[in-house]
Amino acid sequence: MVGPEGDVKLLQPVHLTETRRALLTILDEEPLTKVSECALLSEAALAEDWNRPEEDKAWAHLQQAR
């Protein structure tokens, strides 16, 4: 997110092994609400629980046949 003074805030930490260049795109839309930011930030933690074979099996009946 970019503030009105040009300060950049990352929504998630970025871990790199060495220095890299970055590209910033500024969108012409309002930033996400606090609730949406919270959901985005918790996605990685929830993915650990959701992305398990047991979960896939439990929800398989909702998958459409291809």
N, C-alpha and C. Protein backbone atom coordinates (compact mmCIF):
# COMPACT_ATOMS: atom_id res chain seq x y z
N MET A 1 0.85 -1.14 0.00
CA MET A 1 0.00 0.00 0.00
C MET A 1 0.91 1.23 0.00
N VAL A 2 0.50 2.28 -0.70
CA VAL A 2 1.28 3.51 -0.76
C VAL A 2 0.47 4.62 -0.10
N GLY A 3 1.06 5.27 0.90
CA GLY A 3 0.40 6.36 1.59
C GLY A 3 0.49 7.66 0.80
N PRO A 4 -0.25 8.68 1.22
CA PRO A 4 -0.26 9.95 0.51
C PRO A 4 1.10 10.64 0.45
N GLU A 5 1.99 10.31 1.37
CA GLU A 5 3.33 10.89 1.36
C GLU A 5 4.31 10.04 0.54
N GLY A 6 3.82 8.96 -0.06
CA GLY A 6 4.68 8.11 -0.87
C GLY A 6 5.34 6.98 -0.11
N ASP A 7 4.99 6.81 1.16
CA ASP A 7 5.56 5.71 1.94
C ASP A 7 4.92 4.39 1.52
N VAL A 8 5.74 3.37 1.32
CA VAL A 8 5.27 2.07 0.85
C VAL A 8 5.19 1.11 2.02
N LYS A 9 4.04 0.43 2.16
CA LYS A 9 3.84 -0.56 3.23
C LYS A 9 3.51 -1.90 2.56
N LEU A 10 4.33 -2.90 2.82
CA LEU A 10 4.07 -4.23 2.28
C LEU A 10 2.99 -4.91 3.12
N LEU A 11 2.07 -5.62 2.47
CA LEU A 11 1.01 -6.32 3.18
C LEU A 11 1.48 -7.64 3.75
N GLN A 12 2.58 -8.16 3.21
CA GLN A 12 3.16 -9.41 3.71
C GLN A 12 4.68 -9.24 3.72
N PRO A 13 5.37 -9.92 4.64
CA PRO A 13 6.83 -9.82 4.63
C PRO A 13 7.42 -10.49 3.39
N VAL A 14 8.52 -9.96 2.92
CA VAL A 14 9.22 -10.52 1.76
C VAL A 14 10.61 -10.94 2.23
N HIS A 15 10.95 -12.20 2.04
CA HIS A 15 12.25 -12.72 2.47
C HIS A 15 13.08 -13.05 1.23
N LEU A 16 14.19 -12.36 1.07
CA LEU A 16 15.07 -12.55 -0.08
C LEU A 16 16.46 -12.94 0.42
N THR A 17 17.19 -13.70 -0.39
CA THR A 17 18.54 -14.11 0.00
C THR A 17 19.57 -13.07 -0.40
N GLU A 18 19.21 -12.15 -1.30
CA GLU A 18 20.12 -11.07 -1.69
C GLU A 18 19.29 -9.88 -2.19
N THR A 19 19.94 -8.76 -2.38
CA THR A 19 19.27 -7.54 -2.80
C THR A 19 18.67 -7.70 -4.20
N ARG A 20 17.46 -7.21 -4.37
CA ARG A 20 16.76 -7.28 -5.66
C ARG A 20 16.13 -5.92 -5.95
N ARG A 21 15.87 -5.66 -7.21
CA ARG A 21 15.11 -4.48 -7.59
C ARG A 21 13.63 -4.80 -7.45
N ALA A 22 12.80 -3.76 -7.35
CA ALA A 22 11.36 -3.96 -7.20
C ALA A 22 10.63 -3.05 -8.17
N LEU A 23 9.43 -3.45 -8.54
CA LEU A 23 8.58 -2.67 -9.42
C LEU A 23 7.31 -2.33 -8.66
N LEU A 24 6.93 -1.09 -8.64
CA LEU A 24 5.74 -0.65 -7.91
C LEU A 24 4.70 -0.18 -8.92
N THR A 25 3.47 -0.69 -8.80
CA THR A 25 2.36 -0.26 -9.64
C THR A 25 1.35 0.43 -8.75
N ILE A 26 0.98 1.64 -9.08
CA ILE A 26 -0.01 2.38 -8.30
C ILE A 26 -1.35 2.30 -9.03
N LEU A 27 -2.35 1.69 -8.37
CA LEU A 27 -3.67 1.50 -8.96
C LEU A 27 -4.58 2.67 -8.61
N ASP A 28 -5.48 3.01 -9.49
CA ASP A 28 -6.42 4.11 -9.28
C ASP A 28 -7.69 3.58 -8.60
N GLU A 29 -7.52 3.07 -7.38
CA GLU A 29 -8.65 2.56 -6.61
C GLU A 29 -8.32 2.69 -5.13
N GLU A 30 -9.35 2.66 -4.32
CA GLU A 30 -9.17 2.77 -2.87
C GLU A 30 -8.47 1.52 -2.34
N PRO A 31 -7.70 1.66 -1.26
CA PRO A 31 -7.06 0.48 -0.65
C PRO A 31 -8.11 -0.44 -0.03
N LEU A 32 -7.69 -1.66 0.23
CA LEU A 32 -8.58 -2.63 0.85
C LEU A 32 -8.94 -2.19 2.27
N THR A 33 -10.10 -2.64 2.74
CA THR A 33 -10.50 -2.30 4.09
C THR A 33 -9.66 -3.09 5.09
N LYS A 34 -9.69 -2.70 6.34
CA LYS A 34 -8.93 -3.40 7.38
C LYS A 34 -9.31 -4.87 7.46
N VAL A 35 -10.60 -5.17 7.30
CA VAL A 35 -11.04 -6.57 7.35
C VAL A 35 -10.41 -7.35 6.21
N SER A 36 -10.41 -6.79 5.00
CA SER A 36 -9.83 -7.47 3.87
C SER A 36 -8.32 -7.64 4.04
N GLU A 37 -7.65 -6.62 4.57
CA GLU A 37 -6.21 -6.74 4.82
C GLU A 37 -5.94 -7.86 5.80
N CYS A 38 -6.75 -7.95 6.83
CA CYS A 38 -6.59 -9.01 7.83
C CYS A 38 -6.74 -10.38 7.18
N ALA A 39 -7.73 -10.51 6.31
CA ALA A 39 -7.93 -11.78 5.61
C ALA A 39 -6.74 -12.11 4.74
N LEU A 40 -6.20 -11.12 4.03
CA LEU A 40 -5.03 -11.35 3.20
C LEU A 40 -3.82 -11.77 4.02
N LEU A 41 -3.63 -11.10 5.13
CA LEU A 41 -2.47 -11.41 5.96
C LEU A 41 -2.57 -12.77 6.64
N SER A 42 -3.79 -13.26 6.89
CA SER A 42 -3.95 -14.56 7.54
C SER A 42 -4.00 -15.70 6.53
N GLU A 43 -4.01 -15.38 5.24
CA GLU A 43 -4.15 -16.42 4.21
C GLU A 43 -3.07 -17.49 4.31
N ALA A 44 -1.83 -17.10 4.50
CA ALA A 44 -0.73 -18.08 4.57
C ALA A 44 -0.91 -19.04 5.75
N ALA A 45 -1.30 -18.50 6.89
CA ALA A 45 -1.48 -19.35 8.07
C ALA A 45 -2.65 -20.31 7.86
N LEU A 46 -3.73 -19.80 7.29
CA LEU A 46 -4.90 -20.66 7.05
C LEU A 46 -4.61 -21.70 5.97
N ALA A 47 -3.79 -21.35 5.01
CA ALA A 47 -3.46 -22.28 3.93
C ALA A 47 -2.80 -23.54 4.46
N GLU A 48 -2.02 -23.42 5.51
CA GLU A 48 -1.39 -24.61 6.10
C GLU A 48 -2.44 -25.62 6.53
N ASP A 49 -3.55 -25.13 7.06
CA ASP A 49 -4.61 -26.03 7.49
C ASP A 49 -5.49 -26.47 6.32
N TRP A 50 -5.77 -25.56 5.42
CA TRP A 50 -6.68 -25.86 4.31
C TRP A 50 -6.06 -26.75 3.25
N ASN A 51 -4.76 -26.60 2.97
CA ASN A 51 -4.11 -27.33 1.89
C ASN A 51 -3.55 -28.66 2.36
N ARG A 52 -4.46 -29.49 2.86
CA ARG A 52 -4.08 -30.83 3.32
C ARG A 52 -4.95 -31.85 2.58
N PRO A 53 -4.44 -33.04 2.37
CA PRO A 53 -5.23 -34.07 1.69
C PRO A 53 -6.56 -34.35 2.39
N GLU A 54 -6.58 -34.27 3.73
CA GLU A 54 -7.82 -34.52 4.47
C GLU A 54 -8.90 -33.49 4.11
N GLU A 55 -8.49 -32.25 3.93
CA GLU A 55 -9.43 -31.20 3.55
C GLU A 55 -9.94 -31.41 2.13
N ASP A 56 -9.03 -31.78 1.23
CA ASP A 56 -9.44 -32.05 -0.15
C ASP A 56 -10.48 -33.16 -0.20
N LYS A 57 -10.26 -34.20 0.58
CA LYS A 57 -11.20 -35.33 0.61
C LYS A 57 -12.54 -34.90 1.20
N ALA A 58 -12.51 -34.10 2.25
CA ALA A 58 -13.75 -33.67 2.91
C ALA A 58 -14.62 -32.81 2.00
N TRP A 59 -14.02 -32.04 1.11
CA TRP A 59 -14.77 -31.13 0.26
C TRP A 59 -14.87 -31.61 -1.19
N ALA A 60 -14.40 -32.81 -1.48
CA ALA A 60 -14.40 -33.33 -2.84
C ALA A 60 -15.78 -33.38 -3.47
N HIS A 61 -16.80 -33.62 -2.65
CA HIS A 61 -18.17 -33.71 -3.20
C HIS A 61 -18.67 -32.39 -3.78
N LEU A 62 -18.00 -31.29 -3.47
CA LEU A 62 -18.40 -29.99 -3.99
C LEU A 62 -17.69 -29.62 -5.29
N GLN A 63 -16.69 -30.41 -5.68
CA GLN A 63 -15.98 -30.15 -6.92
C GLN A 63 -16.85 -30.53 -8.10
N GLN A 64 -16.84 -29.70 -9.13
CA GLN A 64 -17.60 -30.02 -10.34
C GLN A 64 -16.83 -31.02 -11.17
N ALA A 65 -17.55 -31.93 -11.81
CA ALA A 65 -16.91 -32.90 -12.70
C ALA A 65 -16.39 -32.18 -13.93
N ARG A 66 -15.20 -32.57 -14.38
CA ARG A 66 -14.61 -31.92 -15.56
C ARG A 66 -14.68 -32.81 -16.75
